[in-house]
Protein backbone atom coordinates (compact mmCIF):
# COMPACT_ATOMS: atom_id res chain seq x y z
CA MET A 1 148.27 188.56 277.08
CA GLU A 2 146.27 190.75 279.43
CA LYS A 3 145.87 194.46 278.73
CA GLN A 4 145.21 196.81 281.65
CA ILE A 5 141.95 198.75 281.26
CA ALA A 6 141.42 200.59 284.55
CA THR A 7 142.74 200.56 288.11
CA PHE A 8 140.65 201.14 291.21
CA LYS A 9 141.30 201.03 294.95
CA ASP A 10 140.84 197.29 295.47
CA TYR A 11 141.39 195.82 292.00
CA THR A 12 142.51 196.35 288.42
CA ILE A 13 140.43 195.44 285.37
CA PHE A 14 142.16 193.83 282.41
CA MET A 15 141.08 192.76 278.94
CA ALA A 16 142.17 189.13 278.71
CA ASP A 17 142.60 186.71 275.82
CA LYS A 18 142.35 182.99 275.11
CA THR A 19 145.22 182.18 277.49
CA SER A 20 142.98 183.13 280.45
CA LEU A 21 140.03 180.89 279.54
CA LEU A 22 140.91 178.01 281.88
CA GLU A 23 141.39 180.35 284.85
CA ILE A 24 138.08 182.06 284.02
CA ALA A 25 136.22 178.74 283.71
CA GLN A 26 137.56 177.65 287.09
CA PHE A 27 136.61 180.97 288.71
CA VAL A 28 133.10 181.11 287.22
CA VAL A 29 132.18 177.55 288.13
CA ARG A 30 133.60 177.65 291.66
CA GLU A 31 131.90 180.97 292.41
CA ASN A 32 128.57 179.66 291.11
CA TYR A 33 128.85 176.62 293.34
CA SER A 34 129.84 178.64 296.41
CA HIS A 35 127.01 181.13 295.86
CA HIS A 36 124.23 178.58 295.32
CA LEU A 37 125.11 175.20 296.83
CA SER A 38 126.02 174.20 300.37
CA SER A 39 127.43 170.80 299.42
CA PHE A 40 129.01 169.46 296.24
CA THR A 41 131.83 167.22 295.05
CA GLU A 42 135.07 168.07 293.26
CA LYS A 43 133.95 165.72 290.47
CA GLU A 44 130.87 167.85 289.83
CA VAL A 45 132.92 171.04 289.86
CA ASN A 46 135.58 169.68 287.51
CA GLU A 47 132.98 168.36 285.05
CA ASP A 48 131.38 171.81 284.85
CA ILE A 49 134.79 173.50 284.51
CA LYS A 50 135.58 171.23 281.56
CA SER A 51 132.21 171.97 279.96
CA VAL A 52 132.51 175.76 280.40
CA LEU A 53 136.09 175.77 279.10
CA GLU A 54 135.13 173.81 275.97
CA GLU A 55 132.28 176.20 275.29
CA GLU A 56 134.45 179.30 275.71
CA GLU A 57 137.22 177.89 273.52
CA TYR A 58 134.62 177.20 270.83
CA LEU A 59 133.15 180.71 270.99
CA TYR A 60 136.39 182.64 271.30
CA ASP A 61 137.59 184.70 268.34
CA ASN A 62 139.27 188.06 267.67
CA LYS A 63 136.01 189.89 268.40
CA SER A 64 135.66 188.46 271.90
CA HIS A 65 135.97 190.91 274.77
CA ILE A 66 136.92 189.24 278.05
CA TYR A 67 137.23 191.42 281.13
CA ILE A 68 138.71 190.22 284.41
CA ALA A 69 139.25 192.08 287.67
CA ARG A 70 142.27 191.09 289.73
CA ASP A 71 143.07 192.07 293.31
CA ALA A 72 146.50 193.19 294.54
CA PHE A 73 147.59 189.55 294.81
CA GLY A 74 146.67 188.76 291.21
CA ASN A 75 143.58 186.73 292.09
CA ILE A 76 140.49 187.03 289.89
CA VAL A 77 137.69 188.73 291.81
CA GLY A 78 135.33 189.27 288.86
CA CYS A 79 134.88 188.53 285.18
CA ILE A 80 132.55 188.91 282.22
CA ARG A 81 132.74 188.08 278.52
CA SER A 82 131.06 189.59 275.45
CA PHE A 83 131.21 187.76 272.14
CA HIS A 84 130.24 189.27 268.78
CA TRP A 85 128.17 186.49 267.21
CA ASP A 86 128.92 185.63 263.58
CA LYS A 87 125.36 184.22 263.22
CA HIS A 88 126.81 180.77 262.50
CA LYS A 89 128.36 179.41 265.69
CA ILE A 90 125.96 177.66 268.05
CA LEU A 91 125.45 179.94 271.04
CA PRO A 92 124.72 178.66 274.56
CA ILE A 93 121.18 180.00 274.25
CA GLU A 94 120.60 177.68 271.29
CA LYS A 95 122.52 174.73 272.71
CA ILE A 96 120.84 174.88 276.13
CA TYR A 97 117.40 176.33 275.37
CA GLY A 98 116.93 175.54 271.67
CA ILE A 99 116.52 179.26 270.87
CA ASN A 100 117.93 180.72 267.66
CA PRO A 101 118.28 184.51 268.16
CA LEU A 102 117.58 185.15 264.47
CA ASN A 103 114.13 183.61 264.91
CA ALA A 104 113.44 184.89 268.42
CA ILE A 105 114.76 188.46 268.10
CA HIS A 106 115.59 189.82 264.65
CA GLN A 107 116.31 188.45 261.18
CA GLU A 108 117.40 191.65 259.42
CA SER A 109 121.02 191.35 258.28
CA LYS A 110 121.96 194.83 259.54
CA TYR A 111 121.49 193.77 263.18
CA SER A 112 124.44 192.56 265.24
CA PHE A 113 124.23 190.31 268.27
CA TRP A 114 126.54 190.24 271.28
CA HIS A 115 126.41 187.29 273.65
CA ILE A 116 127.17 188.33 277.23
CA GLY A 117 128.25 185.54 279.53
CA ARG A 118 130.55 184.15 282.20
CA PHE A 119 129.75 186.89 284.66
CA ALA A 120 130.88 186.17 288.20
CA VAL A 121 132.22 188.08 291.20
CA ALA A 122 134.07 186.68 294.19
CA LYS A 123 131.78 186.01 297.13
CA ASP A 124 134.26 186.68 299.92
CA SER A 125 136.69 189.22 298.44
CA GLY A 126 135.68 192.06 300.76
CA ILE A 127 135.03 194.42 297.84
CA SER A 128 131.73 195.93 296.71
CA THR A 129 130.32 193.26 294.44
CA LEU A 130 127.57 195.60 293.18
CA THR A 131 130.03 198.27 292.05
CA LEU A 132 132.23 195.66 290.41
CA PHE A 133 129.21 194.22 288.63
CA LYS A 134 128.27 197.66 287.30
CA ARG A 135 131.80 198.24 286.01
CA LEU A 136 132.13 194.87 284.32
CA MET A 137 128.66 195.02 282.79
CA ALA A 138 129.26 198.57 281.51
CA LEU A 139 132.40 197.36 279.73
CA ALA A 140 130.62 194.33 278.28
CA VAL A 141 127.65 196.25 276.83
CA LYS A 142 129.65 199.23 275.55
CA PRO A 143 129.94 197.80 271.99
CA ILE A 144 126.16 197.38 271.89
CA VAL A 145 125.57 200.95 273.03
CA GLU A 146 127.95 202.18 270.33
CA ASP A 147 126.11 200.33 267.55
CA LYS A 148 122.59 201.47 266.61
CA TYR A 149 121.59 198.04 265.34
CA SER A 150 122.75 195.70 268.08
CA TYR A 151 121.18 193.31 270.55
CA MET A 152 122.44 191.66 273.70
CA ILE A 153 121.80 187.95 274.21
CA ALA A 154 122.37 186.35 277.60
CA GLU A 155 121.43 183.58 279.99
CA ILE A 156 121.15 185.27 283.38
CA ASP A 157 120.65 184.03 286.93
CA SER A 158 117.07 184.91 287.96
CA LYS A 159 118.20 186.79 291.08
CA LEU A 160 120.77 188.81 289.14
CA LEU A 161 118.12 189.62 286.55
CA LYS A 162 116.04 191.30 289.27
CA VAL A 163 119.06 193.39 290.30
CA MET A 164 119.63 194.41 286.69
CA LYS A 165 116.03 195.56 286.40
CA VAL A 166 116.41 197.76 289.48
CA LEU A 167 119.57 199.24 287.93
CA GLY A 168 117.62 200.29 284.83
CA PHE A 169 118.38 197.35 282.54
CA GLY A 170 115.48 196.59 280.22
CA THR A 171 115.43 192.94 279.08
CA ARG A 172 112.94 190.66 277.36
CA GLN A 173 112.64 187.00 278.30
CA ILE A 174 112.72 184.82 275.18
CA GLY A 175 112.28 181.35 276.67
CA LYS A 176 111.57 179.34 279.80
CA SER A 177 114.13 179.37 282.60
CA ILE A 178 116.11 176.23 283.45
CA ASP A 179 118.58 175.18 286.13
CA TYR A 180 122.08 175.79 284.79
CA LEU A 181 125.37 175.91 286.73
CA THR A 182 123.56 175.56 290.07
CA SER A 183 120.86 178.26 289.66
CA GLU A 184 117.67 179.17 287.82
CA THR A 185 118.84 180.81 284.61
CA VAL A 186 116.71 182.89 282.25
CA PRO A 187 117.30 183.42 278.50
CA VAL A 188 116.92 187.12 277.67
CA CYS A 189 117.69 189.73 275.05
CA SER A 190 117.99 193.50 275.19
CA SER A 191 118.19 196.21 272.55
CA LYS A 192 120.39 199.29 272.73
CA ARG A 193 117.36 201.16 274.07
CA GLY A 194 116.91 198.61 276.85
CA ILE A 195 120.56 198.84 277.83
CA MET A 196 120.74 202.65 277.86
CA GLY A 197 118.73 202.95 281.09
CA PHE A 198 121.62 201.18 282.80
CA PHE A 199 124.53 202.54 280.76
CA SER A 200 123.53 206.19 281.03
CA LYS A 201 123.76 205.87 284.84
CA TYR A 202 126.78 203.64 285.24
CA GLY A 203 128.81 203.77 282.02
CA GLU A 204 131.32 206.19 283.55
CA LEU A 205 132.07 203.75 286.37
CA CYS A 206 134.22 201.60 284.09
CA LYS A 207 136.71 204.43 283.72
CA ALA A 208 139.49 204.82 286.26
CA ALA A 209 139.05 207.65 288.75
């Protein structure tokens, strides 16, 4: 069941649960295709939707935070997911890139890791995609900011990564980029310190006016 988080002029942000995973997988994949490819087949889209859905169902647990923005008609116009890693499940960064965060980032048991993924915003919604991105990202990284010993793990589109840098997000690349879901995608991590440059500026945006 979805829980309302904040309402803005053009959309409302909800915290979703497992029942929304199929809708999210469909939205994320279709938006990636529309942003990056001029021609594709429904077979390709459906195969990627199935793959993304299986991955999200595998990762989902009671510590998952899934945020979706819906317009006045109930359509998803943006989403993001943060998952508190139990250090046992195989994350996308390990499955796709062969990178174990415990080896690449930190092995001390006191450190927590949050995997941020499934970010997408609607291409033709007529809303400010940058503002929506800031709001969704602020919600996703809030648990990391609130925990002294936490790291973010993510696989991020190379163009989006440049935007994040401009917005004050400090990340460290921990592997070679690959083509994933239609675009060049970079494996990165960020500490609380790296995130604070962004969160100190835009954290308040995730609260309703």
